N, C-alpha and C. Protein backbone atom coordinates (compact mmCIF):
# COMPACT_ATOMS: atom_id res chain seq x y z
N MET A 1 -28.92 43.45 -57.79
CA MET A 1 -27.88 44.15 -57.06
C MET A 1 -28.41 45.51 -56.61
N VAL A 2 -28.14 45.88 -55.39
CA VAL A 2 -28.59 47.14 -54.81
C VAL A 2 -27.60 48.24 -55.21
N ASP A 3 -28.15 49.40 -55.62
CA ASP A 3 -27.30 50.54 -55.96
C ASP A 3 -26.62 51.05 -54.70
N ALA A 4 -25.29 51.07 -54.73
CA ALA A 4 -24.52 51.45 -53.54
C ALA A 4 -24.31 52.95 -53.44
N GLY A 5 -24.67 53.71 -54.47
CA GLY A 5 -24.42 55.15 -54.43
C GLY A 5 -22.95 55.43 -54.66
N ALA A 6 -22.47 56.49 -54.07
CA ALA A 6 -21.06 56.87 -54.20
C ALA A 6 -20.22 56.04 -53.24
N ARG A 7 -19.15 55.47 -53.79
CA ARG A 7 -18.24 54.65 -52.98
C ARG A 7 -16.84 55.23 -53.06
N LEU A 8 -16.09 55.06 -51.98
CA LEU A 8 -14.76 55.64 -51.89
C LEU A 8 -13.71 54.55 -51.79
N GLY A 9 -12.65 54.72 -52.58
CA GLY A 9 -11.47 53.86 -52.48
C GLY A 9 -10.28 54.73 -52.12
N LEU A 10 -9.49 54.29 -51.15
CA LEU A 10 -8.35 55.08 -50.70
C LEU A 10 -7.06 54.31 -50.88
N ALA A 11 -6.02 55.02 -51.29
CA ALA A 11 -4.68 54.45 -51.37
C ALA A 11 -3.75 55.41 -50.64
N VAL A 12 -3.24 54.96 -49.50
CA VAL A 12 -2.31 55.76 -48.71
C VAL A 12 -1.10 54.86 -48.46
N SER A 13 -0.09 55.03 -49.27
CA SER A 13 1.07 54.13 -49.20
C SER A 13 2.07 54.54 -48.14
N ARG A 14 3.09 53.73 -47.97
CA ARG A 14 4.15 54.04 -47.00
C ARG A 14 4.98 55.22 -47.46
N LYS A 15 4.88 55.59 -48.73
CA LYS A 15 5.59 56.78 -49.20
C LYS A 15 5.00 58.04 -48.60
N VAL A 16 3.74 58.01 -48.22
CA VAL A 16 3.10 59.16 -47.60
C VAL A 16 3.69 59.37 -46.20
N ASP A 17 3.75 58.30 -45.43
CA ASP A 17 4.40 58.31 -44.12
C ASP A 17 4.65 56.87 -43.74
N ARG A 18 5.79 56.60 -43.15
CA ARG A 18 6.12 55.21 -42.83
C ARG A 18 5.33 54.69 -41.63
N ARG A 19 4.75 55.61 -40.84
CA ARG A 19 4.02 55.21 -39.64
C ARG A 19 2.55 54.92 -39.98
N ALA A 20 2.08 53.76 -39.59
CA ALA A 20 0.70 53.36 -39.85
C ALA A 20 -0.29 54.28 -39.16
N VAL A 21 0.07 54.81 -38.01
CA VAL A 21 -0.82 55.71 -37.27
C VAL A 21 -1.16 56.93 -38.12
N VAL A 22 -0.16 57.49 -38.78
CA VAL A 22 -0.37 58.68 -39.61
C VAL A 22 -1.20 58.31 -40.84
N ARG A 23 -0.87 57.20 -41.47
CA ARG A 23 -1.63 56.77 -42.66
C ARG A 23 -3.10 56.52 -42.31
N ASN A 24 -3.35 55.91 -41.16
CA ASN A 24 -4.73 55.65 -40.74
C ASN A 24 -5.47 56.94 -40.40
N ARG A 25 -4.77 57.92 -39.82
CA ARG A 25 -5.39 59.22 -39.54
C ARG A 25 -5.84 59.89 -40.83
N ILE A 26 -5.00 59.81 -41.86
CA ILE A 26 -5.34 60.39 -43.16
C ILE A 26 -6.58 59.69 -43.73
N LYS A 27 -6.60 58.37 -43.67
CA LYS A 27 -7.75 57.62 -44.20
C LYS A 27 -9.03 57.94 -43.44
N ARG A 28 -8.94 58.03 -42.11
CA ARG A 28 -10.14 58.37 -41.32
C ARG A 28 -10.67 59.75 -41.69
N GLY A 29 -9.77 60.71 -41.83
CA GLY A 29 -10.20 62.06 -42.18
C GLY A 29 -10.84 62.13 -43.55
N LEU A 30 -10.25 61.44 -44.53
CA LEU A 30 -10.82 61.44 -45.87
C LEU A 30 -12.16 60.72 -45.91
N ARG A 31 -12.27 59.61 -45.19
CA ARG A 31 -13.55 58.89 -45.17
C ARG A 31 -14.66 59.74 -44.56
N GLU A 32 -14.35 60.43 -43.47
CA GLU A 32 -15.35 61.27 -42.82
C GLU A 32 -15.79 62.42 -43.73
N SER A 33 -14.85 63.03 -44.41
CA SER A 33 -15.18 64.12 -45.34
C SER A 33 -16.03 63.60 -46.49
N PHE A 34 -15.68 62.44 -47.00
CA PHE A 34 -16.44 61.84 -48.09
C PHE A 34 -17.86 61.50 -47.63
N ARG A 35 -17.96 60.94 -46.44
CA ARG A 35 -19.26 60.56 -45.89
C ARG A 35 -20.19 61.77 -45.79
N ALA A 36 -19.64 62.92 -45.44
CA ALA A 36 -20.44 64.14 -45.31
C ALA A 36 -20.95 64.63 -46.66
N GLN A 37 -20.22 64.35 -47.74
CA GLN A 37 -20.59 64.82 -49.08
C GLN A 37 -21.28 63.75 -49.91
N ARG A 38 -21.39 62.56 -49.40
CA ARG A 38 -21.86 61.40 -50.19
C ARG A 38 -23.21 61.63 -50.85
N THR A 39 -24.13 62.27 -50.17
CA THR A 39 -25.47 62.46 -50.72
C THR A 39 -25.46 63.42 -51.91
N ARG A 40 -24.47 64.30 -51.98
CA ARG A 40 -24.38 65.27 -53.08
C ARG A 40 -23.68 64.70 -54.31
N LEU A 41 -23.05 63.53 -54.17
CA LEU A 41 -22.27 62.94 -55.26
C LEU A 41 -23.11 62.00 -56.10
N ALA A 42 -22.78 61.93 -57.38
CA ALA A 42 -23.42 60.97 -58.26
C ALA A 42 -22.97 59.56 -57.90
N PRO A 43 -23.82 58.55 -58.10
CA PRO A 43 -23.39 57.18 -57.82
C PRO A 43 -22.16 56.83 -58.65
N GLY A 44 -21.27 56.11 -58.05
CA GLY A 44 -20.06 55.68 -58.74
C GLY A 44 -18.94 55.43 -57.76
N GLU A 45 -17.79 55.09 -58.31
CA GLU A 45 -16.62 54.84 -57.48
C GLU A 45 -15.66 56.01 -57.58
N TYR A 46 -15.20 56.48 -56.44
CA TYR A 46 -14.25 57.57 -56.36
C TYR A 46 -12.98 57.03 -55.70
N VAL A 47 -11.86 57.17 -56.37
CA VAL A 47 -10.59 56.66 -55.86
C VAL A 47 -9.67 57.84 -55.58
N VAL A 48 -9.15 57.90 -54.37
CA VAL A 48 -8.25 58.98 -53.95
C VAL A 48 -6.90 58.36 -53.59
N VAL A 49 -5.85 58.89 -54.20
CA VAL A 49 -4.49 58.46 -53.90
C VAL A 49 -3.81 59.60 -53.15
N ALA A 50 -3.46 59.35 -51.89
CA ALA A 50 -2.84 60.38 -51.06
C ALA A 50 -1.40 60.59 -51.47
N ARG A 51 -0.96 61.83 -51.40
CA ARG A 51 0.43 62.20 -51.70
C ARG A 51 1.17 62.45 -50.39
N PRO A 52 2.51 62.45 -50.41
CA PRO A 52 3.27 62.64 -49.17
C PRO A 52 2.92 63.91 -48.40
N GLY A 53 2.49 64.96 -49.07
CA GLY A 53 2.13 66.19 -48.38
C GLY A 53 0.93 66.04 -47.46
N ALA A 54 0.12 65.00 -47.66
CA ALA A 54 -1.07 64.78 -46.83
C ALA A 54 -0.70 64.52 -45.38
N ALA A 55 0.48 63.99 -45.12
CA ALA A 55 0.88 63.68 -43.74
C ALA A 55 1.03 64.93 -42.90
N ALA A 56 1.31 66.06 -43.52
CA ALA A 56 1.52 67.31 -42.77
C ALA A 56 0.22 68.07 -42.54
N LEU A 57 -0.88 67.65 -43.15
CA LEU A 57 -2.14 68.39 -43.04
C LEU A 57 -2.96 67.94 -41.85
N ASP A 58 -3.73 68.87 -41.29
CA ASP A 58 -4.65 68.50 -40.23
C ASP A 58 -5.98 68.08 -40.86
N ALA A 59 -6.95 67.70 -40.04
CA ALA A 59 -8.22 67.17 -40.54
C ALA A 59 -8.97 68.20 -41.39
N ALA A 60 -8.97 69.46 -40.96
CA ALA A 60 -9.69 70.50 -41.71
C ALA A 60 -9.05 70.73 -43.08
N ALA A 61 -7.74 70.71 -43.14
CA ALA A 61 -7.05 70.91 -44.41
C ALA A 61 -7.27 69.72 -45.34
N LEU A 62 -7.32 68.51 -44.78
CA LEU A 62 -7.62 67.32 -45.60
C LEU A 62 -9.03 67.43 -46.18
N GLN A 63 -9.97 67.89 -45.37
CA GLN A 63 -11.35 68.04 -45.83
C GLN A 63 -11.42 69.06 -46.97
N ARG A 64 -10.76 70.20 -46.79
CA ARG A 64 -10.76 71.22 -47.86
C ARG A 64 -10.12 70.67 -49.13
N ALA A 65 -9.04 69.91 -48.99
CA ALA A 65 -8.36 69.35 -50.15
C ALA A 65 -9.27 68.37 -50.89
N LEU A 66 -10.00 67.53 -50.16
CA LEU A 66 -10.91 66.57 -50.80
C LEU A 66 -12.06 67.30 -51.50
N LEU A 67 -12.62 68.31 -50.84
CA LEU A 67 -13.72 69.07 -51.47
C LEU A 67 -13.24 69.76 -52.74
N THR A 68 -12.06 70.35 -52.68
CA THR A 68 -11.50 71.00 -53.87
C THR A 68 -11.29 69.99 -54.99
N LEU A 69 -10.77 68.82 -54.63
CA LEU A 69 -10.55 67.78 -55.62
C LEU A 69 -11.86 67.34 -56.27
N LEU A 70 -12.89 67.13 -55.47
CA LEU A 70 -14.19 66.71 -56.01
C LEU A 70 -14.80 67.80 -56.89
N GLN A 71 -14.60 69.06 -56.53
CA GLN A 71 -15.10 70.16 -57.36
C GLN A 71 -14.34 70.24 -58.68
N ARG A 72 -13.02 70.09 -58.63
CA ARG A 72 -12.21 70.13 -59.85
C ARG A 72 -12.56 68.98 -60.79
N ALA A 73 -12.92 67.83 -60.21
CA ALA A 73 -13.29 66.67 -61.01
C ALA A 73 -14.71 66.79 -61.57
N GLY A 74 -15.47 67.77 -61.10
CA GLY A 74 -16.83 67.95 -61.58
C GLY A 74 -17.85 67.11 -60.82
N ALA A 75 -17.42 66.46 -59.75
CA ALA A 75 -18.34 65.62 -58.98
C ALA A 75 -19.20 66.46 -58.03
N LEU A 76 -18.72 67.63 -57.65
CA LEU A 76 -19.47 68.56 -56.80
C LEU A 76 -19.59 69.89 -57.51
N PRO A 77 -20.69 70.61 -57.31
CA PRO A 77 -20.78 71.95 -57.89
C PRO A 77 -19.77 72.88 -57.21
N PRO A 78 -19.33 73.92 -57.91
CA PRO A 78 -18.39 74.86 -57.28
C PRO A 78 -18.99 75.51 -56.05
N ALA A 79 -18.14 75.87 -55.14
CA ALA A 79 -18.59 76.52 -53.91
C ALA A 79 -19.16 77.89 -54.25
N PRO A 80 -20.21 78.32 -53.54
CA PRO A 80 -20.76 79.66 -53.80
C PRO A 80 -19.73 80.71 -53.42
N PRO A 81 -19.73 81.85 -54.10
CA PRO A 81 -18.76 82.89 -53.77
C PRO A 81 -19.01 83.42 -52.36
N ALA A 82 -17.93 83.73 -51.69
CA ALA A 82 -18.04 84.27 -50.34
C ALA A 82 -18.45 85.73 -50.40
N GLY A 83 -19.19 86.17 -49.44
CA GLY A 83 -19.60 87.57 -49.40
C GLY A 83 -21.00 87.71 -48.86
N THR A 84 -21.39 88.94 -48.66
CA THR A 84 -22.71 89.20 -48.09
C THR A 84 -23.70 89.73 -49.10
N MET A 85 -23.24 90.06 -50.29
CA MET A 85 -24.14 90.59 -51.32
C MET A 85 -24.93 89.45 -51.95
N PRO A 86 -26.23 89.63 -52.17
CA PRO A 86 -27.02 88.58 -52.83
C PRO A 86 -26.61 88.46 -54.29
N THR A 87 -26.82 87.28 -54.83
CA THR A 87 -26.50 87.06 -56.24
C THR A 87 -27.53 87.76 -57.12
N ALA A 88 -27.24 87.87 -58.40
CA ALA A 88 -28.14 88.54 -59.34
C ALA A 88 -29.49 87.85 -59.39
N ALA A 89 -29.50 86.54 -59.27
CA ALA A 89 -30.75 85.79 -59.32
C ALA A 89 -31.65 86.18 -58.15
N CYS A 90 -31.07 86.45 -57.00
CA CYS A 90 -31.86 86.83 -55.83
C CYS A 90 -32.41 88.25 -55.96
N THR A 91 -31.65 89.15 -56.55
CA THR A 91 -32.08 90.54 -56.65
C THR A 91 -33.17 90.72 -57.70
N ASP A 92 -33.28 89.80 -58.66
CA ASP A 92 -34.32 89.91 -59.67
C ASP A 92 -35.71 89.73 -59.08
N ARG A 93 -35.81 89.00 -57.98
CA ARG A 93 -37.10 88.71 -57.38
C ARG A 93 -37.56 89.79 -56.42
N VAL A 94 -36.69 90.66 -56.02
CA VAL A 94 -37.04 91.71 -55.07
C VAL A 94 -37.73 92.86 -55.82
N GLN A 95 -38.91 93.21 -55.37
CA GLN A 95 -39.67 94.29 -55.99
C GLN A 95 -39.45 95.56 -55.19
N PRO A 96 -39.19 96.67 -55.85
CA PRO A 96 -39.04 97.92 -55.10
C PRO A 96 -40.40 98.35 -54.54
N PRO A 97 -40.38 99.06 -53.43
CA PRO A 97 -41.66 99.49 -52.84
C PRO A 97 -42.35 100.50 -53.77
N SER A 98 -43.66 100.40 -53.86
CA SER A 98 -44.41 101.33 -54.71
C SER A 98 -44.66 102.62 -53.94
N ARG A 99 -44.72 103.70 -54.66
CA ARG A 99 -44.90 105.02 -54.03
C ARG A 99 -46.25 105.56 -54.31
């Protein structure tokens, strides 16, 4: 059997939205977000159950929600802190100019 890597299972019920168009939009957005992160994930099966609030979100918000979920589950490393200052690890390598 060939290792399939990370696989995604989606459950988007009629409770999320009664219209199939909306449910399919949610599934497409989640699949695309997952596909973009697939190489960073450990092999295994990931199952996402959409909640009714997902119907009100746009594609970018769905992507952020999935990334947050994967980080909370420990499947992705936490996002680096925002800002322009280098981290402590970067500043340790910088040598001051000699006089």
